[in-house]
Amino acid sequence: MQGLPFTFRSDGFDFRQLDRIGDVVLLEKTAEWSTRQFYEVVIVQHHKPRPPWCNGGERMPSSEQWGVAGWSYSDLPGARTKFNALVEADQSRTQTKRA
């Protein structure tokens, strides 16, 4: 399975992973035309191999999933707060399933 790259370019933006716990990822987003940094918090989406001999992998949420599996922030503290809340919620669900 192919994982989400640590750095990548998409739609004219450069993305760099700042933190990842499980499927929750905090990304820094920059563009050549701006001196500002933006941030995105995403829940990595998994896809199965199609056709079967191709590798499955991870991807960013689609535009339609924004607000459910992806969030944009103009400041790092806000993005970090969302990241921490998603990680905590995921860990709580995992612990509940084990009990």
PDB file of N, CA and C in Angstrom:
ATOM      1  N   MET A   1       0.841  -1.174   0.000  1.00  0.00           N
ATOM      2  CA  MET A   1       0.000   0.000   0.000  1.00  0.00           C
ATOM      3  C   MET A   1       0.885   1.237   0.000  1.00  0.00           C
ATOM      4  N   GLN A   2       0.473   2.225  -0.768  1.00  0.00           N
ATOM      5  CA  GLN A   2       1.229   3.455  -0.890  1.00  0.00           C
ATOM      6  C   GLN A   2       0.685   4.495   0.077  1.00  0.00           C
ATOM      7  N   GLY A   3       1.549   5.043   0.916  1.00  0.00           N
ATOM      8  CA  GLY A   3       1.128   6.025   1.905  1.00  0.00           C
ATOM      9  C   GLY A   3       1.080   7.433   1.343  1.00  0.00           C
ATOM     10  N   LEU A   4       0.388   8.313   2.049  1.00  0.00           N
ATOM     11  CA  LEU A   4       0.344   9.725   1.690  1.00  0.00           C
ATOM     12  C   LEU A   4       1.767  10.275   1.800  1.00  0.00           C
ATOM     13  N   PRO A   5       2.277  10.936   0.752  1.00  0.00           N
ATOM     14  CA  PRO A   5       3.659  11.432   0.809  1.00  0.00           C
ATOM     15  C   PRO A   5       3.856  12.469   1.914  1.00  0.00           C
ATOM     16  N   PHE A   6       5.084  12.555   2.413  1.00  0.00           N
ATOM     17  CA  PHE A   6       5.430  13.539   3.441  1.00  0.00           C
ATOM     18  C   PHE A   6       5.342  14.950   2.868  1.00  0.00           C
ATOM     19  N   THR A   7       5.770  15.113   1.626  1.00  0.00           N
ATOM     20  CA  THR A   7       5.632  16.385   0.905  1.00  0.00           C
ATOM     21  C   THR A   7       5.044  16.081  -0.471  1.00  0.00           C
ATOM     22  N   PHE A   8       4.204  16.996  -0.958  1.00  0.00           N
ATOM     23  CA  PHE A   8       3.646  16.830  -2.295  1.00  0.00           C
ATOM     24  C   PHE A   8       3.110  18.165  -2.793  1.00  0.00           C
ATOM     25  N   ARG A   9       2.842  18.219  -4.090  1.00  0.00           N
ATOM     26  CA  ARG A   9       2.302  19.417  -4.731  1.00  0.00           C
ATOM     27  C   ARG A   9       0.938  19.060  -5.325  1.00  0.00           C
ATOM     28  N   SER A  10      -0.044  19.937  -5.120  1.00  0.00           N
ATOM     29  CA  SER A  10      -1.377  19.708  -5.659  1.00  0.00           C
ATOM     30  C   SER A  10      -2.073  21.042  -5.894  1.00  0.00           C
ATOM     31  N   ASP A  11      -2.663  21.214  -7.055  1.00  0.00           N
ATOM     32  CA  ASP A  11      -3.428  22.426  -7.390  1.00  0.00           C
ATOM     33  C   ASP A  11      -2.650  23.716  -7.145  1.00  0.00           C
ATOM     34  N   GLY A  12      -1.354  23.709  -7.427  1.00  0.00           N
ATOM     35  CA  GLY A  12      -0.534  24.909  -7.267  1.00  0.00           C
ATOM     36  C   GLY A  12      -0.051  25.168  -5.853  1.00  0.00           C
ATOM     37  N   PHE A  13      -0.303  24.257  -4.945  1.00  0.00           N
ATOM     38  CA  PHE A  13       0.131  24.406  -3.557  1.00  0.00           C
ATOM     39  C   PHE A  13       1.144  23.322  -3.213  1.00  0.00           C
ATOM     40  N   ASP A  14       2.061  23.676  -2.327  1.00  0.00           N
ATOM     41  CA  ASP A  14       3.011  22.706  -1.773  1.00  0.00           C
ATOM     42  C   ASP A  14       2.535  22.335  -0.380  1.00  0.00           C
ATOM     43  N   PHE A  15       2.523  21.042  -0.103  1.00  0.00           N
ATOM     44  CA  PHE A  15       2.085  20.524   1.191  1.00  0.00           C
ATOM     45  C   PHE A  15       3.250  19.838   1.883  1.00  0.00           C
ATOM     46  N   ARG A  16       3.330  20.057   3.198  1.00  0.00           N
ATOM     47  CA  ARG A  16       4.360  19.398   4.007  1.00  0.00           C
ATOM     48  C   ARG A  16       3.703  18.891   5.282  1.00  0.00           C
ATOM     49  N   GLN A  17       3.897  17.617   5.553  1.00  0.00           N
ATOM     50  CA  GLN A  17       3.327  17.013   6.754  1.00  0.00           C
ATOM     51  C   GLN A  17       4.061  17.518   7.987  1.00  0.00           C
ATOM     52  N   LEU A  18       3.308  18.075   8.935  1.00  0.00           N
ATOM     53  CA  LEU A  18       3.882  18.545  10.189  1.00  0.00           C
ATOM     54  C   LEU A  18       3.719  17.515  11.297  1.00  0.00           C
ATOM     55  N   ASP A  19       2.615  16.758  11.241  1.00  0.00           N
ATOM     56  CA  ASP A  19       2.351  15.768  12.279  1.00  0.00           C
ATOM     57  C   ASP A  19       1.370  14.746  11.738  1.00  0.00           C
ATOM     58  N   ARG A  20       1.472  13.528  12.233  1.00  0.00           N
ATOM     59  CA  ARG A  20       0.523  12.485  11.867  1.00  0.00           C
ATOM     60  C   ARG A  20       0.421  11.494  13.017  1.00  0.00           C
ATOM     61  N   ILE A  21      -0.806  11.207  13.408  1.00  0.00           N
ATOM     62  CA  ILE A  21      -1.082  10.160  14.378  1.00  0.00           C
ATOM     63  C   ILE A  21      -2.227   9.348  13.790  1.00  0.00           C
ATOM     64  N   GLY A  22      -1.950   8.092  13.492  1.00  0.00           N
ATOM     65  CA  GLY A  22      -2.939   7.254  12.827  1.00  0.00           C
ATOM     66  C   GLY A  22      -3.272   7.827  11.466  1.00  0.00           C
ATOM     67  N   ASP A  23      -4.551   8.032  11.210  1.00  0.00           N
ATOM     68  CA  ASP A  23      -4.996   8.590   9.933  1.00  0.00           C
ATOM     69  C   ASP A  23      -5.242  10.089   9.989  1.00  0.00           C
ATOM     70  N   VAL A  24      -4.916  10.737  11.099  1.00  0.00           N
ATOM     71  CA  VAL A  24      -5.108  12.180  11.241  1.00  0.00           C
ATOM     72  C   VAL A  24      -3.776  12.865  10.919  1.00  0.00           C
ATOM     73  N   VAL A  25      -3.835  13.807   9.962  1.00  0.00           N
ATOM     74  CA  VAL A  25      -2.612  14.451   9.483  1.00  0.00           C
ATOM     75  C   VAL A  25      -2.765  15.969   9.554  1.00  0.00           C
ATOM     76  N   LEU A  26      -1.705  16.637  10.019  1.00  0.00           N
ATOM     77  CA  LEU A  26      -1.614  18.093  10.029  1.00  0.00           C
ATOM     78  C   LEU A  26      -0.630  18.483   8.940  1.00  0.00           C
ATOM     79  N   LEU A  27      -1.087  19.322   8.001  1.00  0.00           N
ATOM     80  CA  LEU A  27      -0.269  19.724   6.865  1.00  0.00           C
ATOM     81  C   LEU A  27      -0.072  21.235   6.831  1.00  0.00           C
ATOM     82  N   GLU A  28       1.123  21.646   6.429  1.00  0.00           N
ATOM     83  CA  GLU A  28       1.379  23.044   6.118  1.00  0.00           C
ATOM     84  C   GLU A  28       1.179  23.206   4.617  1.00  0.00           C
ATOM     85  N   LYS A  29       0.503  24.276   4.215  1.00  0.00           N
ATOM     86  CA  LYS A  29       0.173  24.508   2.808  1.00  0.00           C
ATOM     87  C   LYS A  29       0.726  25.868   2.406  1.00  0.00           C
ATOM     88  N   THR A  30       1.571  25.896   1.373  1.00  0.00           N
ATOM     89  CA  THR A  30       2.156  27.141   0.906  1.00  0.00           C
ATOM     90  C   THR A  30       1.994  27.251  -0.610  1.00  0.00           C
ATOM     91  N   ALA A  31       2.160  28.467  -1.114  1.00  0.00           N
ATOM     92  CA  ALA A  31       2.092  28.719  -2.550  1.00  0.00           C
ATOM     93  C   ALA A  31       3.167  29.728  -2.911  1.00  0.00           C
ATOM     94  N   GLU A  32       3.664  29.645  -4.127  1.00  0.00           N
ATOM     95  CA  GLU A  32       4.708  30.576  -4.583  1.00  0.00           C
ATOM     96  C   GLU A  32       4.223  32.014  -4.587  1.00  0.00           C
ATOM     97  N   TRP A  33       2.929  32.219  -4.805  1.00  0.00           N
ATOM     98  CA  TRP A  33       2.375  33.563  -4.917  1.00  0.00           C
ATOM     99  C   TRP A  33       2.041  34.203  -3.569  1.00  0.00           C
ATOM    100  N   SER A  34       2.299  33.497  -2.464  1.00  0.00           N
ATOM    101  CA  SER A  34       1.953  34.030  -1.145  1.00  0.00           C
ATOM    102  C   SER A  34       3.107  33.821  -0.168  1.00  0.00           C
ATOM    103  N   THR A  35       3.273  34.757   0.730  1.00  0.00           N
ATOM    104  CA  THR A  35       4.289  34.619   1.779  1.00  0.00           C
ATOM    105  C   THR A  35       3.696  33.976   3.034  1.00  0.00           C
ATOM    106  N   ARG A  36       2.371  33.784   3.044  1.00  0.00           N
ATOM    107  CA  ARG A  36       1.692  33.197   4.203  1.00  0.00           C
ATOM    108  C   ARG A  36       1.691  31.682   4.138  1.00  0.00           C
ATOM    109  N   GLN A  37       1.614  31.094   5.311  1.00  0.00           N
ATOM    110  CA  GLN A  37       1.401  29.654   5.398  1.00  0.00           C
ATOM    111  C   GLN A  37      -0.054  29.421   5.791  1.00  0.00           C
ATOM    112  N   PHE A  38      -0.603  28.364   5.251  1.00  0.00           N
ATOM    113  CA  PHE A  38      -1.939  27.916   5.609  1.00  0.00           C
ATOM    114  C   PHE A  38      -1.803  26.498   6.127  1.00  0.00           C
ATOM    115  N   TYR A  39      -2.848  25.980   6.731  1.00  0.00           N
ATOM    116  CA  TYR A  39      -2.763  24.657   7.344  1.00  0.00           C
ATOM    117  C   TYR A  39      -4.020  23.868   7.021  1.00  0.00           C
ATOM    118  N   GLU A  40      -3.850  22.582   6.892  1.00  0.00           N
ATOM    119  CA  GLU A  40      -4.979  21.692   6.674  1.00  0.00           C
ATOM    120  C   GLU A  40      -4.865  20.511   7.617  1.00  0.00           C
ATOM    121  N   VAL A  41      -5.997  20.108   8.140  1.00  0.00           N
ATOM    122  CA  VAL A  41      -6.083  18.914   8.973  1.00  0.00           C
ATOM    123  C   VAL A  41      -6.971  17.958   8.202  1.00  0.00           C
ATOM    124  N   VAL A  42      -6.478  16.755   7.973  1.00  0.00           N
ATOM    125  CA  VAL A  42      -7.241  15.793   7.177  1.00  0.00           C
ATOM    126  C   VAL A  42      -7.262  14.430   7.849  1.00  0.00           C
ATOM    127  N   ILE A  43      -8.328  13.699   7.537  1.00  0.00           N
ATOM    128  CA  ILE A  43      -8.385  12.285   7.866  1.00  0.00           C
ATOM    129  C   ILE A  43      -8.075  11.563   6.569  1.00  0.00           C
ATOM    130  N   VAL A  44      -6.974  10.848   6.542  1.00  0.00           N
ATOM    131  CA  VAL A  44      -6.516  10.174   5.338  1.00  0.00           C
ATOM    132  C   VAL A  44      -7.588   9.203   4.849  1.00  0.00           C
ATOM    133  N   GLN A  45      -7.804   9.218   3.548  1.00  0.00           N
ATOM    134  CA  GLN A  45      -8.758   8.310   2.914  1.00  0.00           C
ATOM    135  C   GLN A  45      -7.992   7.129   2.329  1.00  0.00           C
ATOM    136  N   HIS A  46      -8.535   5.951   2.480  1.00  0.00           N
ATOM    137  CA  HIS A  46      -7.891   4.739   1.966  1.00  0.00           C
ATOM    138  C   HIS A  46      -8.659   4.245   0.751  1.00  0.00           C
ATOM    139  N   HIS A  47      -7.926   3.799  -0.254  1.00  0.00           N
ATOM    140  CA  HIS A  47      -8.597   3.219  -1.413  1.00  0.00           C
ATOM    141  C   HIS A  47      -7.986   1.870  -1.731  1.00  0.00           C
ATOM    142  N   LYS A  48      -8.832   0.999  -2.223  1.00  0.00           N
ATOM    143  CA  LYS A  48      -8.415  -0.357  -2.564  1.00  0.00           C
ATOM    144  C   LYS A  48      -7.795  -0.356  -3.951  1.00  0.00           C
ATOM    145  N   PRO A  49      -6.931  -1.340  -4.209  1.00  0.00           N
ATOM    146  CA  PRO A  49      -6.327  -1.421  -5.541  1.00  0.00           C
ATOM    147  C   PRO A  49      -7.377  -1.699  -6.609  1.00  0.00           C
ATOM    148  N   ARG A  50      -7.319  -0.953  -7.681  1.00  0.00           N
ATOM    149  CA  ARG A  50      -8.173  -1.190  -8.853  1.00  0.00           C
ATOM    150  C   ARG A  50      -7.334  -0.964 -10.079  1.00  0.00           C
ATOM    151  N   PRO A  51      -7.124  -1.837 -10.914  1.00  0.00           N
ATOM    152  CA  PRO A  51      -7.469  -3.257 -10.846  1.00  0.00           C
ATOM    153  C   PRO A  51      -6.681  -3.948  -9.737  1.00  0.00           C
ATOM    154  N   PRO A  52      -7.006  -5.205  -9.459  1.00  0.00           N
ATOM    155  CA  PRO A  52      -6.431  -5.902  -8.300  1.00  0.00           C
ATOM    156  C   PRO A  52      -4.906  -5.950  -8.258  1.00  0.00           C
ATOM    157  N   TRP A  53      -4.247  -5.860  -9.398  1.00  0.00           N
ATOM    158  CA  TRP A  53      -2.782  -5.960  -9.396  1.00  0.00           C
ATOM    159  C   TRP A  53      -2.104  -4.612  -9.114  1.00  0.00           C
ATOM    160  N   CYS A  54      -2.879  -3.544  -9.015  1.00  0.00           N
ATOM    161  CA  CYS A  54      -2.317  -2.231  -8.667  1.00  0.00           C
ATOM    162  C   CYS A  54      -2.288  -2.075  -7.151  1.00  0.00           C
ATOM    163  N   ASN A  55      -1.411  -1.220  -6.686  1.00  0.00           N
ATOM    164  CA  ASN A  55      -1.321  -0.963  -5.248  1.00  0.00           C
ATOM    165  C   ASN A  55      -2.479  -0.086  -4.784  1.00  0.00           C
ATOM    166  N   GLY A  56      -3.006  -0.393  -3.615  1.00  0.00           N
ATOM    167  CA  GLY A  56      -3.951   0.501  -2.971  1.00  0.00           C
ATOM    168  C   GLY A  56      -3.155   1.606  -2.300  1.00  0.00           C
ATOM    169  N   GLY A  57      -3.823   2.518  -1.679  1.00  0.00           N
ATOM    170  CA  GLY A  57      -3.053   3.558  -1.030  1.00  0.00           C
ATOM    171  C   GLY A  57      -3.897   4.553  -0.272  1.00  0.00           C
ATOM    172  N   GLU A  58      -3.264   5.662   0.043  1.00  0.00           N
ATOM    173  CA  GLU A  58      -3.892   6.726   0.808  1.00  0.00           C
ATOM    174  C   GLU A  58      -4.012   7.955  -0.084  1.00  0.00           C
ATOM    175  N   ARG A  59      -5.027   8.764   0.225  1.00  0.00           N
ATOM    176  CA  ARG A  59      -5.214  10.007  -0.512  1.00  0.00           C
ATOM    177  C   ARG A  59      -5.831  11.051   0.401  1.00  0.00           C
ATOM    178  N   MET A  60      -5.785  12.279  -0.059  1.00  0.00           N
ATOM    179  CA  MET A  60      -6.448  13.377   0.633  1.00  0.00           C
ATOM    180  C   MET A  60      -7.955  13.225   0.457  1.00  0.00           C
ATOM    181  N   PRO A  61      -8.740  13.812   1.353  1.00  0.00           N
ATOM    182  CA  PRO A  61     -10.189  13.810   1.157  1.00  0.00           C
ATOM    183  C   PRO A  61     -10.553  14.578  -0.117  1.00  0.00           C
ATOM    184  N   SER A  62     -11.653  14.205  -0.734  1.00  0.00           N
ATOM    185  CA  SER A  62     -12.131  14.914  -1.922  1.00  0.00           C
ATOM    186  C   SER A  62     -12.742  16.256  -1.499  1.00  0.00           C
ATOM    187  N   SER A  63     -13.008  17.109  -2.454  1.00  0.00           N
ATOM    188  CA  SER A  63     -13.653  18.401  -2.175  1.00  0.00           C
ATOM    189  C   SER A  63     -14.998  18.204  -1.488  1.00  0.00           C
ATOM    190  N   GLU A  64     -15.714  17.163  -1.893  1.00  0.00           N
ATOM    191  CA  GLU A  64     -17.021  16.883  -1.309  1.00  0.00           C
ATOM    192  C   GLU A  64     -16.921  16.464   0.151  1.00  0.00           C
ATOM    193  N   GLN A  65     -15.774  15.963   0.569  1.00  0.00           N
ATOM    194  CA  GLN A  65     -15.583  15.509   1.950  1.00  0.00           C
ATOM    195  C   GLN A  65     -15.087  16.618   2.872  1.00  0.00           C
ATOM    196  N   TRP A  66     -14.840  17.828   2.294  1.00  0.00           N
ATOM    197  CA  TRP A  66     -14.315  18.910   3.128  1.00  0.00           C
ATOM    198  C   TRP A  66     -15.362  19.316   4.146  1.00  0.00           C
ATOM    199  N   GLY A  67     -14.929  19.489   5.377  1.00  0.00           N
ATOM    200  CA  GLY A  67     -15.835  19.778   6.478  1.00  0.00           C
ATOM    201  C   GLY A  67     -16.225  18.528   7.246  1.00  0.00           C
ATOM    202  N   VAL A  68     -15.958  17.363   6.643  1.00  0.00           N
ATOM    203  CA  VAL A  68     -16.227  16.077   7.278  1.00  0.00           C
ATOM    204  C   VAL A  68     -14.927  15.315   7.514  1.00  0.00           C
ATOM    205  N   ALA A  69     -14.024  15.374   6.534  1.00  0.00           N
ATOM    206  CA  ALA A  69     -12.741  14.675   6.636  1.00  0.00           C
ATOM    207  C   ALA A  69     -11.560  15.593   6.325  1.00  0.00           C
ATOM    208  N   GLY A  70     -11.817  16.882   6.154  1.00  0.00           N
ATOM    209  CA  GLY A  70     -10.749  17.844   5.885  1.00  0.00           C
ATOM    210  C   GLY A  70     -11.160  19.238   6.307  1.00  0.00           C
ATOM    211  N   TRP A  71     -10.211  19.992   6.867  1.00  0.00           N
ATOM    212  CA  TRP A  71     -10.484  21.335   7.372  1.00  0.00           C
ATOM    213  C   TRP A  71      -9.307  22.237   7.046  1.00  0.00           C
ATOM    214  N   SER A  72      -9.575  23.495   6.704  1.00  0.00           N
ATOM    215  CA  SER A  72      -8.543  24.471   6.365  1.00  0.00           C
ATOM    216  C   SER A  72      -8.451  25.534   7.456  1.00  0.00           C
ATOM    217  N   TYR A  73      -7.226  25.957   7.738  1.00  0.00           N
ATOM    218  CA  TYR A  73      -6.973  26.954   8.779  1.00  0.00           C
ATOM    219  C   TYR A  73      -5.936  27.961   8.295  1.00  0.00           C
ATOM    220  N   SER A  74      -6.075  29.189   8.760  1.00  0.00           N
ATOM    221  CA  SER A  74      -5.092  30.219   8.436  1.00  0.00           C
ATOM    222  C   SER A  74      -4.054  30.377   9.539  1.00  0.00           C
ATOM    223  N   ASP A  75      -4.250  29.666  10.661  1.00  0.00           N
ATOM    224  CA  ASP A  75      -3.282  29.763  11.752  1.00  0.00           C
ATOM    225  C   ASP A  75      -2.977  28.371  12.308  1.00  0.00           C
ATOM    226  N   LEU A  76      -1.737  28.193  12.724  1.00  0.00           N
ATOM    227  CA  LEU A  76      -1.296  26.900  13.238  1.00  0.00           C
ATOM    228  C   LEU A  76      -1.973  26.524  14.552  1.00  0.00           C
ATOM    229  N   PRO A  77      -2.174  27.435  15.502  1.00  0.00           N
ATOM    230  CA  PRO A  77      -2.845  27.030  16.744  1.00  0.00           C
ATOM    231  C   PRO A  77      -4.249  26.465  16.507  1.00  0.00           C
ATOM    232  N   GLY A  78      -5.019  27.065  15.617  1.00  0.00           N
ATOM    233  CA  GLY A  78      -6.345  26.550  15.310  1.00  0.00           C
ATOM    234  C   GLY A  78      -6.289  25.170  14.683  1.00  0.00           C
ATOM    235  N   ALA A  79      -5.353  24.993  13.754  1.00  0.00           N
ATOM    236  CA  ALA A  79      -5.179  23.695  13.103  1.00  0.00           C
ATOM    237  C   ALA A  79      -4.733  22.646  14.116  1.00  0.00           C
ATOM    238  N   ARG A  80      -3.839  23.019  14.999  1.00  0.00           N
ATOM    239  CA  ARG A  80      -3.333  22.079  16.014  1.00  0.00           C
ATOM    240  C   ARG A  80      -4.465  21.653  16.964  1.00  0.00           C
ATOM    241  N   THR A  81      -5.341  22.596  17.315  1.00  0.00           N
ATOM    242  CA  THR A  81      -6.473  22.273  18.185  1.00  0.00           C
ATOM    243  C   THR A  81      -7.379  21.240  17.521  1.00  0.00           C
ATOM    244  N   LYS A  82      -7.692  21.429  16.238  1.00  0.00           N
ATOM    245  CA  LYS A  82      -8.532  20.474  15.514  1.00  0.00           C
ATOM    246  C   LYS A  82      -7.837  19.121  15.407  1.00  0.00           C
ATOM    247  N   PHE A  83      -6.537  19.129  15.083  1.00  0.00           N
ATOM    248  CA  PHE A  83      -5.753  17.896  14.987  1.00  0.00           C
ATOM    249  C   PHE A  83      -5.827  17.119  16.298  1.00  0.00           C
ATOM    250  N   ASN A  84      -5.570  17.798  17.417  1.00  0.00           N
ATOM    251  CA  ASN A  84      -5.588  17.141  18.726  1.00  0.00           C
ATOM    252  C   ASN A  84      -6.970  16.586  19.062  1.00  0.00           C
ATOM    253  N   ALA A  85      -8.031  17.333  18.725  1.00  0.00           N
ATOM    254  CA  ALA A  85      -9.394  16.866  19.005  1.00  0.00           C
ATOM    255  C   ALA A  85      -9.719  15.608  18.201  1.00  0.00           C
ATOM    256  N   LEU A  86      -9.303  15.565  16.930  1.00  0.00           N
ATOM    257  CA  LEU A  86      -9.561  14.386  16.098  1.00  0.00           C
ATOM    258  C   LEU A  86      -8.780  13.178  16.595  1.00  0.00           C
ATOM    259  N   VAL A  87      -7.525  13.390  16.999  1.00  0.00           N
ATOM    260  CA  VAL A  87      -6.717  12.291  17.526  1.00  0.00           C
ATOM    261  C   VAL A  87      -7.348  11.753  18.805  1.00  0.00           C
ATOM    262  N   GLU A  88      -7.767  12.652  19.688  1.00  0.00           N
ATOM    263  CA  GLU A  88      -8.384  12.230  20.950  1.00  0.00           C
ATOM    264  C   GLU A  88      -9.681  11.458  20.683  1.00  0.00           C
ATOM    265  N   ALA A  89     -10.502  11.945  19.764  1.00  0.00           N
ATOM    266  CA  ALA A  89     -11.756  11.259  19.431  1.00  0.00           C
ATOM    267  C   ALA A  89     -11.472   9.883  18.841  1.00  0.00           C
ATOM    268  N   ASP A  90     -10.459   9.784  18.001  1.00  0.00           N
ATOM    269  CA  ASP A  90     -10.106   8.498  17.392  1.00  0.00           C
ATOM    270  C   ASP A  90      -9.613   7.521  18.454  1.00  0.00           C
ATOM    271  N   GLN A  91      -8.810   8.008  19.375  1.00  0.00           N
ATOM    272  CA  GLN A  91      -8.304   7.141  20.447  1.00  0.00           C
ATOM    273  C   GLN A  91      -9.441   6.696  21.363  1.00  0.00           C
ATOM    274  N   SER A  92     -10.407   7.557  21.613  1.00  0.00           N
ATOM    275  CA  SER A  92     -11.562   7.186  22.443  1.00  0.00           C
ATOM    276  C   SER A  92     -12.389   6.112  21.770  1.00  0.00           C
ATOM    277  N   ARG A  93     -12.605   6.247  20.454  1.00  0.00           N
ATOM    278  CA  ARG A  93     -13.351   5.217  19.711  1.00  0.00           C
ATOM    279  C   ARG A  93     -12.621   3.885  19.746  1.00  0.00           C
ATOM    280  N   THR A  94     -11.307   3.920  19.599  1.00  0.00           N
ATOM    281  CA  THR A  94     -10.501   2.704  19.597  1.00  0.00           C
ATOM    282  C   THR A  94     -10.590   2.020  20.970  1.00  0.00           C
ATOM    283  N   GLN A  95     -10.508   2.787  22.036  1.00  0.00           N
ATOM    284  CA  GLN A  95     -10.582   2.215  23.379  1.00  0.00           C
ATOM    285  C   GLN A  95     -11.972   1.652  23.663  1.00  0.00           C
ATOM    286  N   THR A  96     -13.013   2.317  23.176  1.00  0.00           N
ATOM    287  CA  THR A  96     -14.374   1.844  23.371  1.00  0.00           C
ATOM    288  C   THR A  96     -14.589   0.510  22.650  1.00  0.00           C
ATOM    289  N   LYS A  97     -14.035   0.367  21.458  1.00  0.00           N
ATOM    290  CA  LYS A  97     -14.169  -0.879  20.702  1.00  0.00           C
ATOM    291  C   LYS A  97     -13.497  -2.046  21.415  1.00  0.00           C
ATOM    292  N   ARG A  98     -12.394  -1.777  22.108  1.00  0.00           N
ATOM    293  CA  ARG A  98     -11.647  -2.833  22.803  1.00  0.00           C
ATOM    294  C   ARG A  98     -12.345  -3.283  24.078  1.00  0.00           C
ATOM    295  N   ALA A  99     -13.096  -2.381  24.695  1.00  0.00           N
ATOM    296  CA  ALA A  99     -13.735  -2.688  25.987  1.00  0.00           C
ATOM    297  C   ALA A  99     -14.892  -3.647  25.872  1.00  0.00           C
TER     298      ALA A  99
END
